[in-house]
PDB file of N, CA and C in Angstrom:
ATOM      1  N   UNK A   1      90.291 111.051 106.134  1.00  0.00           N
ATOM      2  CA  UNK A   1      90.651 111.520 104.795  1.00  0.00           C
ATOM      3  C   UNK A   1      92.053 112.127 104.838  1.00  0.00           C
ATOM      4  N   UNK A   2      92.856 111.775 103.881  1.00  0.00           N
ATOM      5  CA  UNK A   2      94.224 112.287 103.800  1.00  0.00           C
ATOM      6  C   UNK A   2      94.235 113.489 102.874  1.00  0.00           C
ATOM      7  N   UNK A   3      94.858 114.591 103.291  1.00  0.00           N
ATOM      8  CA  UNK A   3      94.939 115.736 102.379  1.00  0.00           C
ATOM      9  C   UNK A   3      96.053 115.496 101.371  1.00  0.00           C
ATOM     10  N   UNK A   4      96.103 116.322 100.320  1.00  0.00           N
ATOM     11  CA  UNK A   4      97.074 116.129  99.238  1.00  0.00           C
ATOM     12  C   UNK A   4      98.504 116.173  99.758  1.00  0.00           C
ATOM     13  N   UNK A   5      98.721 116.939 100.839  1.00  0.00           N
ATOM     14  CA  UNK A   5     100.066 117.003 101.413  1.00  0.00           C
ATOM     15  C   UNK A   5     100.503 115.642 101.944  1.00  0.00           C
ATOM     16  N   UNK A   6      99.532 114.745 102.151  1.00  0.00           N
ATOM     17  CA  UNK A   6      99.858 113.401 102.605  1.00  0.00           C
ATOM     18  C   UNK A   6     100.726 112.647 101.616  1.00  0.00           C
ATOM     19  N   UNK A   7     100.656 113.028 100.342  1.00  0.00           N
ATOM     20  CA  UNK A   7     101.507 112.399  99.331  1.00  0.00           C
ATOM     21  C   UNK A   7     102.906 113.001  99.334  1.00  0.00           C
ATOM     22  N   UNK A   8     103.038 114.230  99.853  1.00  0.00           N
ATOM     23  CA  UNK A   8     104.323 114.920  99.797  1.00  0.00           C
ATOM     24  C   UNK A   8     105.368 114.221 100.645  1.00  0.00           C
ATOM     25  N   UNK A   9     106.601 114.222 100.159  1.00  0.00           N
ATOM     26  CA  UNK A   9     107.710 113.632 100.897  1.00  0.00           C
ATOM     27  C   UNK A   9     108.618 112.856  99.979  1.00  0.00           C
ATOM     28  N   UNK A  10     109.568 112.173 100.589  1.00  0.00           N
ATOM     29  CA  UNK A  10     110.494 111.305  99.857  1.00  0.00           C
ATOM     30  C   UNK A  10     110.086 109.866 100.141  1.00  0.00           C
ATOM     31  N   UNK A  11     109.865 109.114  99.084  1.00  0.00           N
ATOM     32  CA  UNK A  11     109.390 107.734  99.179  1.00  0.00           C
ATOM     33  C   UNK A  11     110.424 106.803  98.546  1.00  0.00           C
ATOM     34  N   UNK A  12     110.730 105.714  99.220  1.00  0.00           N
ATOM     35  CA  UNK A  12     111.737 104.798  98.699  1.00  0.00           C
ATOM     36  C   UNK A  12     111.234 103.361  98.766  1.00  0.00           C
ATOM     37  N   UNK A  13     111.787 102.548  97.897  1.00  0.00           N
ATOM     38  CA  UNK A  13     111.422 101.139  97.877  1.00  0.00           C
ATOM     39  C   UNK A  13     112.090 100.442  96.715  1.00  0.00           C
ATOM     40  N   UNK A  14     111.611  99.237  96.423  1.00  0.00           N
ATOM     41  CA  UNK A  14     112.174  98.431  95.347  1.00  0.00           C
ATOM     42  C   UNK A  14     111.092  98.135  94.323  1.00  0.00           C
ATOM     43  N   UNK A  15     111.394  98.445  93.069  1.00  0.00           N
ATOM     44  CA  UNK A  15     110.463  98.180  91.980  1.00  0.00           C
ATOM     45  C   UNK A  15     110.688  96.807  91.397  1.00  0.00           C
ATOM     46  N   UNK A  16     109.617  96.209  90.896  1.00  0.00           N
ATOM     47  CA  UNK A  16     109.694  94.918  90.211  1.00  0.00           C
ATOM     48  C   UNK A  16     109.104  95.086  88.821  1.00  0.00           C
ATOM     49  N   UNK A  17     109.926  94.821  87.808  1.00  0.00           N
ATOM     50  CA  UNK A  17     109.568  95.077  86.410  1.00  0.00           C
ATOM     51  C   UNK A  17     109.246  93.793  85.662  1.00  0.00           C
ATOM     52  N   UNK A  18     108.253  93.875  84.778  1.00  0.00           N
ATOM     53  CA  UNK A  18     107.887  92.744  83.936  1.00  0.00           C
ATOM     54  C   UNK A  18     107.655  93.234  82.499  1.00  0.00           C
ATOM     55  N   UNK A  19     108.309  92.633  81.502  1.00  0.00           N
ATOM     56  CA  UNK A  19     109.399  91.669  81.655  1.00  0.00           C
ATOM     57  C   UNK A  19     110.663  92.350  82.190  1.00  0.00           C
ATOM     58  N   UNK A  20     111.592  91.562  82.690  1.00  0.00           N
ATOM     59  CA  UNK A  20     112.832  92.105  83.238  1.00  0.00           C
ATOM     60  C   UNK A  20     113.613  92.838  82.159  1.00  0.00           C
ATOM     61  N   UNK A  21     114.284  93.926  82.561  1.00  0.00           N
ATOM     62  CA  UNK A  21     115.116  94.671  81.630  1.00  0.00           C
ATOM     63  C   UNK A  21     116.555  94.193  81.693  1.00  0.00           C
ATOM     64  N   UNK A  22     117.444  94.907  81.006  1.00  0.00           N
ATOM     65  CA  UNK A  22     118.855  94.540  80.957  1.00  0.00           C
ATOM     66  C   UNK A  22     119.476  94.529  82.354  1.00  0.00           C
ATOM     67  N   UNK A  23     118.974  95.393  83.259  1.00  0.00           N
ATOM     68  CA  UNK A  23     119.532  95.482  84.600  1.00  0.00           C
ATOM     69  C   UNK A  23     118.821  94.540  85.577  1.00  0.00           C
ATOM     70  N   UNK A  24     117.930  93.705  85.068  1.00  0.00           N
ATOM     71  CA  UNK A  24     117.221  92.775  85.925  1.00  0.00           C
ATOM     72  C   UNK A  24     115.806  93.246  86.205  1.00  0.00           C
ATOM     73  N   UNK A  25     115.100  92.476  87.029  1.00  0.00           N
ATOM     74  CA  UNK A  25     113.691  92.748  87.286  1.00  0.00           C
ATOM     75  C   UNK A  25     113.478  93.654  88.501  1.00  0.00           C
ATOM     76  N   UNK A  26     114.467  93.743  89.389  1.00  0.00           N
ATOM     77  CA  UNK A  26     114.285  94.495  90.638  1.00  0.00           C
ATOM     78  C   UNK A  26     115.326  95.596  90.773  1.00  0.00           C
ATOM     79  N   UNK A  27     114.871  96.793  91.161  1.00  0.00           N
ATOM     80  CA  UNK A  27     115.768  97.938  91.271  1.00  0.00           C
ATOM     81  C   UNK A  27     115.198  98.934  92.266  1.00  0.00           C
ATOM     82  N   UNK A  28     116.072  99.821  92.750  1.00  0.00           N
ATOM     83  CA  UNK A  28     115.696 100.781  93.788  1.00  0.00           C
ATOM     84  C   UNK A  28     114.995 101.997  93.200  1.00  0.00           C
ATOM     85  N   UNK A  29     114.047 102.541  93.983  1.00  0.00           N
ATOM     86  CA  UNK A  29     113.301 103.738  93.599  1.00  0.00           C
ATOM     87  C   UNK A  29     113.400 104.758  94.723  1.00  0.00           C
ATOM     88  N   UNK A  30     113.617 106.025  94.361  1.00  0.00           N
ATOM     89  CA  UNK A  30     113.479 107.139  95.304  1.00  0.00           C
ATOM     90  C   UNK A  30     112.640 108.200  94.598  1.00  0.00           C
ATOM     91  N   UNK A  31     111.437 108.440  95.114  1.00  0.00           N
ATOM     92  CA  UNK A  31     110.515 109.384  94.493  1.00  0.00           C
ATOM     93  C   UNK A  31     110.254 110.528  95.462  1.00  0.00           C
ATOM     94  N   UNK A  32     110.398 111.755  94.976  1.00  0.00           N
ATOM     95  CA  UNK A  32     110.149 112.933  95.792  1.00  0.00           C
ATOM     96  C   UNK A  32     108.906 113.639  95.255  1.00  0.00           C
ATOM     97  N   UNK A  33     107.917 113.844  96.127  1.00  0.00           N
ATOM     98  CA  UNK A  33     106.677 114.507  95.727  1.00  0.00           C
ATOM     99  C   UNK A  33     106.533 115.801  96.515  1.00  0.00           C
ATOM    100  N   UNK A  34     106.318 116.893  95.793  1.00  0.00           N
ATOM    101  CA  UNK A  34     106.070 118.185  96.418  1.00  0.00           C
ATOM    102  C   UNK A  34     104.789 118.780  95.870  1.00  0.00           C
ATOM    103  N   UNK A  35     104.525 120.010  96.206  1.00  0.00           N
ATOM    104  CA  UNK A  35     103.330 120.685  95.684  1.00  0.00           C
ATOM    105  C   UNK A  35     103.552 121.060  94.222  1.00  0.00           C
ATOM    106  N   UNK A  36     102.902 120.340  93.315  1.00  0.00           N
ATOM    107  CA  UNK A  36     102.997 120.649  91.895  1.00  0.00           C
ATOM    108  C   UNK A  36     104.301 120.244  91.235  1.00  0.00           C
ATOM    109  N   UNK A  37     105.208 119.630  91.988  1.00  0.00           N
ATOM    110  CA  UNK A  37     106.489 119.193  91.419  1.00  0.00           C
ATOM    111  C   UNK A  37     106.854 117.834  91.998  1.00  0.00           C
ATOM    112  N   UNK A  38     107.474 117.011  91.175  1.00  0.00           N
ATOM    113  CA  UNK A  38     107.903 115.700  91.641  1.00  0.00           C
ATOM    114  C   UNK A  38     109.098 115.249  90.816  1.00  0.00           C
ATOM    115  N   UNK A  39     109.898 114.359  91.410  1.00  0.00           N
ATOM    116  CA  UNK A  39     111.049 113.816  90.689  1.00  0.00           C
ATOM    117  C   UNK A  39     111.215 112.347  91.061  1.00  0.00           C
ATOM    118  N   UNK A  40     111.953 111.651  90.220  1.00  0.00           N
ATOM    119  CA  UNK A  40     112.175 110.219  90.428  1.00  0.00           C
ATOM    120  C   UNK A  40     113.638 109.904  90.189  1.00  0.00           C
ATOM    121  N   UNK A  41     114.168 109.017  91.029  1.00  0.00           N
ATOM    122  CA  UNK A  41     115.532 108.521  90.838  1.00  0.00           C
ATOM    123  C   UNK A  41     115.515 107.013  90.977  1.00  0.00           C
ATOM    124  N   UNK A  42     116.303 106.371  90.125  1.00  0.00           N
ATOM    125  CA  UNK A  42     116.496 104.932  90.189  1.00  0.00           C
ATOM    126  C   UNK A  42     117.983 104.719  90.471  1.00  0.00           C
ATOM    127  N   UNK A  43     118.386 104.792  91.763  1.00  0.00           N
ATOM    128  CA  UNK A  43     119.819 104.785  92.106  1.00  0.00           C
ATOM    129  C   UNK A  43     120.579 103.571  91.574  1.00  0.00           C
ATOM    130  N   UNK A  44     119.971 102.389  91.620  1.00  0.00           N
ATOM    131  CA  UNK A  44     120.690 101.191  91.187  1.00  0.00           C
ATOM    132  C   UNK A  44     120.778 101.091  89.668  1.00  0.00           C
ATOM    133  N   UNK A  45     119.934 101.856  88.959  1.00  0.00           N
ATOM    134  CA  UNK A  45     119.986 101.858  87.496  1.00  0.00           C
ATOM    135  C   UNK A  45     120.820 103.016  86.951  1.00  0.00           C
ATOM    136  N   UNK A  46     121.037 104.043  87.785  1.00  0.00           N
ATOM    137  CA  UNK A  46     121.819 105.202  87.349  1.00  0.00           C
ATOM    138  C   UNK A  46     121.057 106.126  86.435  1.00  0.00           C
ATOM    139  N   UNK A  47     119.762 106.294  86.697  1.00  0.00           N
ATOM    140  CA  UNK A  47     118.969 107.208  85.888  1.00  0.00           C
ATOM    141  C   UNK A  47     117.884 107.841  86.739  1.00  0.00           C
ATOM    142  N   UNK A  48     117.239 108.842  86.166  1.00  0.00           N
ATOM    143  CA  UNK A  48     116.153 109.511  86.867  1.00  0.00           C
ATOM    144  C   UNK A  48     115.798 110.793  86.152  1.00  0.00           C
ATOM    145  N   UNK A  49     114.872 111.546  86.752  1.00  0.00           N
ATOM    146  CA  UNK A  49     114.472 112.792  86.127  1.00  0.00           C
ATOM    147  C   UNK A  49     113.279 113.410  86.812  1.00  0.00           C
ATOM    148  N   UNK A  50     112.566 114.239  86.044  1.00  0.00           N
ATOM    149  CA  UNK A  50     111.435 114.970  86.592  1.00  0.00           C
ATOM    150  C   UNK A  50     110.134 114.267  86.229  1.00  0.00           C
ATOM    151  N   UNK A  51     109.092 114.612  86.985  1.00  0.00           N
ATOM    152  CA  UNK A  51     107.767 114.059  86.742  1.00  0.00           C
ATOM    153  C   UNK A  51     106.796 115.202  86.508  1.00  0.00           C
ATOM    154  N   UNK A  52     106.012 115.105  85.450  1.00  0.00           N
ATOM    155  CA  UNK A  52     104.982 116.089  85.159  1.00  0.00           C
ATOM    156  C   UNK A  52     103.670 115.576  85.730  1.00  0.00           C
ATOM    157  N   UNK A  53     103.059 116.372  86.599  1.00  0.00           N
ATOM    158  CA  UNK A  53     101.805 115.957  87.226  1.00  0.00           C
ATOM    159  C   UNK A  53     100.668 116.040  86.216  1.00  0.00           C
ATOM    160  N   UNK A  54      99.956 114.935  86.018  1.00  0.00           N
ATOM    161  CA  UNK A  54      98.816 114.882  85.112  1.00  0.00           C
ATOM    162  C   UNK A  54      97.525 115.086  85.894  1.00  0.00           C
ATOM    163  N   UNK A  55      97.423 114.410  87.026  1.00  0.00           N
ATOM    164  CA  UNK A  55      96.248 114.563  87.879  1.00  0.00           C
ATOM    165  C   UNK A  55      96.646 114.247  89.313  1.00  0.00           C
ATOM    166  N   UNK A  56      95.856 114.787  90.251  1.00  0.00           N
ATOM    167  CA  UNK A  56      96.149 114.530  91.649  1.00  0.00           C
ATOM    168  C   UNK A  56      94.913 114.831  92.483  1.00  0.00           C
ATOM    169  N   UNK A  57      94.645 113.953  93.450  1.00  0.00           N
ATOM    170  CA  UNK A  57      93.583 114.231  94.406  1.00  0.00           C
ATOM    171  C   UNK A  57      94.124 113.942  95.803  1.00  0.00           C
ATOM    172  N   UNK A  58      93.237 113.752  96.756  1.00  0.00           N
ATOM    173  CA  UNK A  58      93.669 113.606  98.148  1.00  0.00           C
ATOM    174  C   UNK A  58      94.560 112.395  98.400  1.00  0.00           C
ATOM    175  N   UNK A  59      94.356 111.323  97.631  1.00  0.00           N
ATOM    176  CA  UNK A  59      95.064 110.089  97.963  1.00  0.00           C
ATOM    177  C   UNK A  59      95.817 109.455  96.803  1.00  0.00           C
ATOM    178  N   UNK A  60      95.799 110.101  95.627  1.00  0.00           N
ATOM    179  CA  UNK A  60      96.497 109.501  94.488  1.00  0.00           C
ATOM    180  C   UNK A  60      96.983 110.580  93.532  1.00  0.00           C
ATOM    181  N   UNK A  61      97.900 110.193  92.658  1.00  0.00           N
ATOM    182  CA  UNK A  61      98.410 111.128  91.654  1.00  0.00           C
ATOM    183  C   UNK A  61      98.905 110.336  90.457  1.00  0.00           C
ATOM    184  N   UNK A  62      98.917 111.015  89.312  1.00  0.00           N
ATOM    185  CA  UNK A  62      99.405 110.409  88.073  1.00  0.00           C
ATOM    186  C   UNK A  62     100.440 111.344  87.474  1.00  0.00           C
ATOM    187  N   UNK A  63     101.554 110.766  87.006  1.00  0.00           N
ATOM    188  CA  UNK A  63     102.659 111.551  86.475  1.00  0.00           C
ATOM    189  C   UNK A  63     103.145 110.989  85.155  1.00  0.00           C
ATOM    190  N   UNK A  64     103.751 111.858  84.346  1.00  0.00           N
ATOM    191  CA  UNK A  64     104.472 111.451  83.141  1.00  0.00           C
ATOM    192  C   UNK A  64     105.956 111.636  83.437  1.00  0.00           C
ATOM    193  N   UNK A  65     106.734 110.606  83.167  1.00  0.00           N
ATOM    194  CA  UNK A  65     108.153 110.606  83.500  1.00  0.00           C
ATOM    195  C   UNK A  65     108.989 111.260  82.395  1.00  0.00           C
ATOM    196  N   UNK A  66     109.961 112.073  82.798  1.00  0.00           N
ATOM    197  CA  UNK A  66     110.905 112.682  81.861  1.00  0.00           C
ATOM    198  C   UNK A  66     112.317 112.365  82.353  1.00  0.00           C
ATOM    199  N   UNK A  67     112.910 111.317  81.802  1.00  0.00           N
ATOM    200  CA  UNK A  67     114.249 110.889  82.228  1.00  0.00           C
ATOM    201  C   UNK A  67     115.264 111.921  81.735  1.00  0.00           C
ATOM    202  N   UNK A  68     115.972 112.576  82.679  1.00  0.00           N
ATOM    203  CA  UNK A  68     116.901 113.651  82.305  1.00  0.00           C
ATOM    204  C   UNK A  68     118.363 113.245  82.436  1.00  0.00           C
ATOM    205  N   UNK A  69     118.645 112.128  83.111  1.00  0.00           N
ATOM    206  CA  UNK A  69     120.016 111.606  83.119  1.00  0.00           C
ATOM    207  C   UNK A  69     119.963 110.087  83.072  1.00  0.00           C
ATOM    208  N   UNK A  70     120.949 109.488  82.432  1.00  0.00           N
ATOM    209  CA  UNK A  70     120.966 108.039  82.260  1.00  0.00           C
ATOM    210  C   UNK A  70     119.936 107.559  81.259  1.00  0.00           C
ATOM    211  N   UNK A  71     119.682 108.392  80.219  1.00  0.00           N
ATOM    212  CA  UNK A  71     118.659 108.042  79.223  1.00  0.00           C
ATOM    213  C   UNK A  71     118.936 106.698  78.547  1.00  0.00           C
ATOM    214  N   UNK A  72     120.205 106.315  78.477  1.00  0.00           N
ATOM    215  CA  UNK A  72     120.557 105.046  77.837  1.00  0.00           C
ATOM    216  C   UNK A  72     120.265 103.855  78.754  1.00  0.00           C
ATOM    217  N   UNK A  73     119.950 104.118  80.036  1.00  0.00           N
ATOM    218  CA  UNK A  73     119.744 103.036  80.997  1.00  0.00           C
ATOM    219  C   UNK A  73     118.276 102.818  81.335  1.00  0.00           C
ATOM    220  N   UNK A  74     117.421 103.780  81.024  1.00  0.00           N
ATOM    221  CA  UNK A  74     116.013 103.698  81.425  1.00  0.00           C
ATOM    222  C   UNK A  74     115.089 104.086  80.279  1.00  0.00           C
ATOM    223  N   UNK A  75     113.857 103.610  80.361  1.00  0.00           N
ATOM    224  CA  UNK A  75     112.829 103.940  79.381  1.00  0.00           C
ATOM    225  C   UNK A  75     112.261 105.312  79.719  1.00  0.00           C
ATOM    226  N   UNK A  76     112.211 106.200  78.744  1.00  0.00           N
ATOM    227  CA  UNK A  76     111.697 107.551  78.951  1.00  0.00           C
ATOM    228  C   UNK A  76     110.203 107.608  78.644  1.00  0.00           C
ATOM    229  N   UNK A  77     109.512 108.548  79.284  1.00  0.00           N
ATOM    230  CA  UNK A  77     108.125 108.830  78.942  1.00  0.00           C
ATOM    231  C   UNK A  77     107.095 107.906  79.560  1.00  0.00           C
ATOM    232  N   UNK A  78     107.511 107.117  80.542  1.00  0.00           N
ATOM    233  CA  UNK A  78     106.567 106.214  81.187  1.00  0.00           C
ATOM    234  C   UNK A  78     105.545 106.961  82.025  1.00  0.00           C
ATOM    235  N   UNK A  79     104.463 106.271  82.343  1.00  0.00           N
ATOM    236  CA  UNK A  79     103.443 106.839  83.208  1.00  0.00           C
ATOM    237  C   UNK A  79     103.514 106.217  84.589  1.00  0.00           C
ATOM    238  N   UNK A  80     103.451 107.045  85.621  1.00  0.00           N
ATOM    239  CA  UNK A  80     103.517 106.571  87.000  1.00  0.00           C
ATOM    240  C   UNK A  80     102.219 106.948  87.702  1.00  0.00           C
ATOM    241  N   UNK A  81     101.639 105.985  88.379  1.00  0.00           N
ATOM    242  CA  UNK A  81     100.468 106.240  89.216  1.00  0.00           C
ATOM    243  C   UNK A  81     100.807 105.854  90.647  1.00  0.00           C
ATOM    244  N   UNK A  82     100.519 106.742  91.593  1.00  0.00           N
ATOM    245  CA  UNK A  82     100.741 106.443  93.003  1.00  0.00           C
ATOM    246  C   UNK A  82      99.417 106.568  93.754  1.00  0.00           C
ATOM    247  N   UNK A  83      99.257 105.728  94.747  1.00  0.00           N
ATOM    248  CA  UNK A  83      98.059 105.755  95.585  1.00  0.00           C
ATOM    249  C   UNK A  83      98.472 105.559  97.034  1.00  0.00           C
ATOM    250  N   UNK A  84      98.020 106.469  97.888  1.00  0.00           N
ATOM    251  CA  UNK A  84      98.320 106.401  99.310  1.00  0.00           C
ATOM    252  C   UNK A  84      97.460 105.294  99.922  1.00  0.00           C
ATOM    253  N   UNK A  85      98.102 104.307 100.560  1.00  0.00           N
ATOM    254  CA  UNK A  85      97.363 103.174 101.097  1.00  0.00           C
ATOM    255  C   UNK A  85      98.011 102.705 102.384  1.00  0.00           C
ATOM    256  N   UNK A  86      97.289 102.815 103.495  1.00  0.00           N
ATOM    257  CA  UNK A  86      97.760 102.352 104.810  1.00  0.00           C
ATOM    258  C   UNK A  86      99.143 102.884 105.151  1.00  0.00           C
ATOM    259  N   UNK A  87      99.367 104.159 104.871  1.00  0.00           N
ATOM    260  CA  UNK A  87     100.627 104.797 105.239  1.00  0.00           C
ATOM    261  C   UNK A  87     101.756 104.627 104.245  1.00  0.00           C
ATOM    262  N   UNK A  88     101.558 103.767 103.257  1.00  0.00           N
ATOM    263  CA  UNK A  88     102.567 103.562 102.216  1.00  0.00           C
ATOM    264  C   UNK A  88     102.052 104.091 100.892  1.00  0.00           C
ATOM    265  N   UNK A  89     102.915 104.025  99.879  1.00  0.00           N
ATOM    266  CA  UNK A  89     102.552 104.479  98.546  1.00  0.00           C
ATOM    267  C   UNK A  89     102.570 103.277  97.605  1.00  0.00           C
ATOM    268  N   UNK A  90     101.411 102.954  97.060  1.00  0.00           N
ATOM    269  CA  UNK A  90     101.317 101.926  96.036  1.00  0.00           C
ATOM    270  C   UNK A  90     101.725 102.591  94.719  1.00  0.00           C
ATOM    271  N   UNK A  91     102.744 102.044  94.048  1.00  0.00           N
ATOM    272  CA  UNK A  91     103.397 102.682  92.907  1.00  0.00           C
ATOM    273  C   UNK A  91     103.305 101.759  91.693  1.00  0.00           C
ATOM    274  N   UNK A  92     102.807 102.269  90.578  1.00  0.00           N
ATOM    275  CA  UNK A  92     102.794 101.488  89.340  1.00  0.00           C
ATOM    276  C   UNK A  92     103.352 102.334  88.202  1.00  0.00           C
ATOM    277  N   UNK A  93     104.037 101.674  87.298  1.00  0.00           N
ATOM    278  CA  UNK A  93     104.673 102.336  86.156  1.00  0.00           C
ATOM    279  C   UNK A  93     104.342 101.537  84.906  1.00  0.00           C
ATOM    280  N   UNK A  94     104.010 102.244  83.827  1.00  0.00           N
ATOM    281  CA  UNK A  94     103.811 101.594  82.528  1.00  0.00           C
ATOM    282  C   UNK A  94     104.546 102.397  81.462  1.00  0.00           C
ATOM    283  N   UNK A  95     105.161 101.697  80.522  1.00  0.00           N
ATOM    284  CA  UNK A  95     105.873 102.349  79.437  1.00  0.00           C
ATOM    285  C   UNK A  95     106.184 101.333  78.356  1.00  0.00           C
ATOM    286  N   UNK A  96     106.895 101.790  77.326  1.00  0.00           N
ATOM    287  CA  UNK A  96     107.307 100.852  76.291  1.00  0.00           C
ATOM    288  C   UNK A  96     108.607 101.295  75.658  1.00  0.00           C
ATOM    289  N   UNK A  97     109.337 100.309  75.149  1.00  0.00           N
ATOM    290  CA  UNK A  97     110.591 100.555  74.437  1.00  0.00           C
ATOM    291  C   UNK A  97     110.648  99.607  73.257  1.00  0.00           C
ATOM    292  N   UNK A  98     110.960 100.129  72.086  1.00  0.00           N
ATOM    293  CA  UNK A  98     111.059  99.325  70.863  1.00  0.00           C
ATOM    294  C   UNK A  98     109.788  98.496  70.647  1.00  0.00           C
ATOM    295  N   UNK A  99     108.631  99.087  70.955  1.00  0.00           N
ATOM    296  CA  UNK A  99     107.366  98.415  70.730  1.00  0.00           C
ATOM    297  C   UNK A  99     107.000  97.382  71.781  1.00  0.00           C
ATOM    298  N   UNK A 100     107.878  97.177  72.759  1.00  0.00           N
ATOM    299  CA  UNK A 100     107.641  96.194  73.821  1.00  0.00           C
ATOM    300  C   UNK A 100     107.065  96.904  75.048  1.00  0.00           C
ATOM    301  N   UNK A 101     105.850  96.529  75.494  1.00  0.00           N
ATOM    302  CA  UNK A 101     105.319  97.152  76.695  1.00  0.00           C
ATOM    303  C   UNK A 101     105.990  96.593  77.955  1.00  0.00           C
ATOM    304  N   UNK A 102     106.186  97.468  78.922  1.00  0.00           N
ATOM    305  CA  UNK A 102     106.752  97.080  80.210  1.00  0.00           C
ATOM    306  C   UNK A 102     105.859  97.642  81.310  1.00  0.00           C
ATOM    307  N   UNK A 103     105.825  96.958  82.442  1.00  0.00           N
ATOM    308  CA  UNK A 103     105.169  97.541  83.598  1.00  0.00           C
ATOM    309  C   UNK A 103     105.959  97.184  84.843  1.00  0.00           C
ATOM    310  N   UNK A 104     105.773  97.987  85.884  1.00  0.00           N
ATOM    311  CA  UNK A 104     106.503  97.780  87.124  1.00  0.00           C
ATOM    312  C   UNK A 104     105.601  98.154  88.285  1.00  0.00           C
ATOM    313  N   UNK A 105     105.817  97.491  89.402  1.00  0.00           N
ATOM    314  CA  UNK A 105     105.050  97.771  90.612  1.00  0.00           C
ATOM    315  C   UNK A 105     105.989  97.877  91.795  1.00  0.00           C
ATOM    316  N   UNK A 106     105.550  98.613  92.814  1.00  0.00           N
ATOM    317  CA  UNK A 106     106.340  98.755  94.038  1.00  0.00           C
ATOM    318  C   UNK A 106     105.437  99.226  95.171  1.00  0.00           C
ATOM    319  N   UNK A 107     105.894  99.004  96.387  1.00  0.00           N
ATOM    320  CA  UNK A 107     105.310  99.641  97.562  1.00  0.00           C
ATOM    321  C   UNK A 107     106.419 100.511  98.147  1.00  0.00           C
ATOM    322  N   UNK A 108     106.177 101.821  98.190  1.00  0.00           N
ATOM    323  CA  UNK A 108     107.195 102.751  98.674  1.00  0.00           C
ATOM    324  C   UNK A 108     106.846 103.196 100.092  1.00  0.00           C
ATOM    325  N   UNK A 109     107.889 103.340 100.900  1.00  0.00           N
ATOM    326  CA  UNK A 109     107.719 103.802 102.276  1.00  0.00           C
ATOM    327  C   UNK A 109     108.286 105.205 102.416  1.00  0.00           C
ATOM    328  N   UNK A 110     107.657 106.012 103.262  1.00  0.00           N
ATOM    329  CA  UNK A 110     108.136 107.367 103.489  1.00  0.00           C
ATOM    330  C   UNK A 110     109.483 107.323 104.211  1.00  0.00           C
ATOM    331  N   UNK A 111     110.440 108.094 103.692  1.00  0.00           N
ATOM    332  CA  UNK A 111     111.771 108.108 104.294  1.00  0.00           C
ATOM    333  C   UNK A 111     111.825 109.147 105.388  1.00  0.00           C
TER     334      UNK A 111
END
């Protein structure tokens, strides 16, 4: 069993979005998870912000995204779910812009 601290750390990887956005379908992710606080950066998109923890247990967590910089480059208010799996983080994102739903998936590795 993995304790909640198992999610803590800096996780990086490449996200794949469907449908593709203006910047394309694939982009970099850097997610930092701490105790009760988390943040997200999309270095190749030039945006990022804070994450509000909605729920969390030993192996997974759910967050609401608050894009605080590069708001014109990224969709704000998306939901992120992470699940610890075989040493990596399974990452999913869902959101919408102009009535169009978007989703993204990634496998993040601990940095």
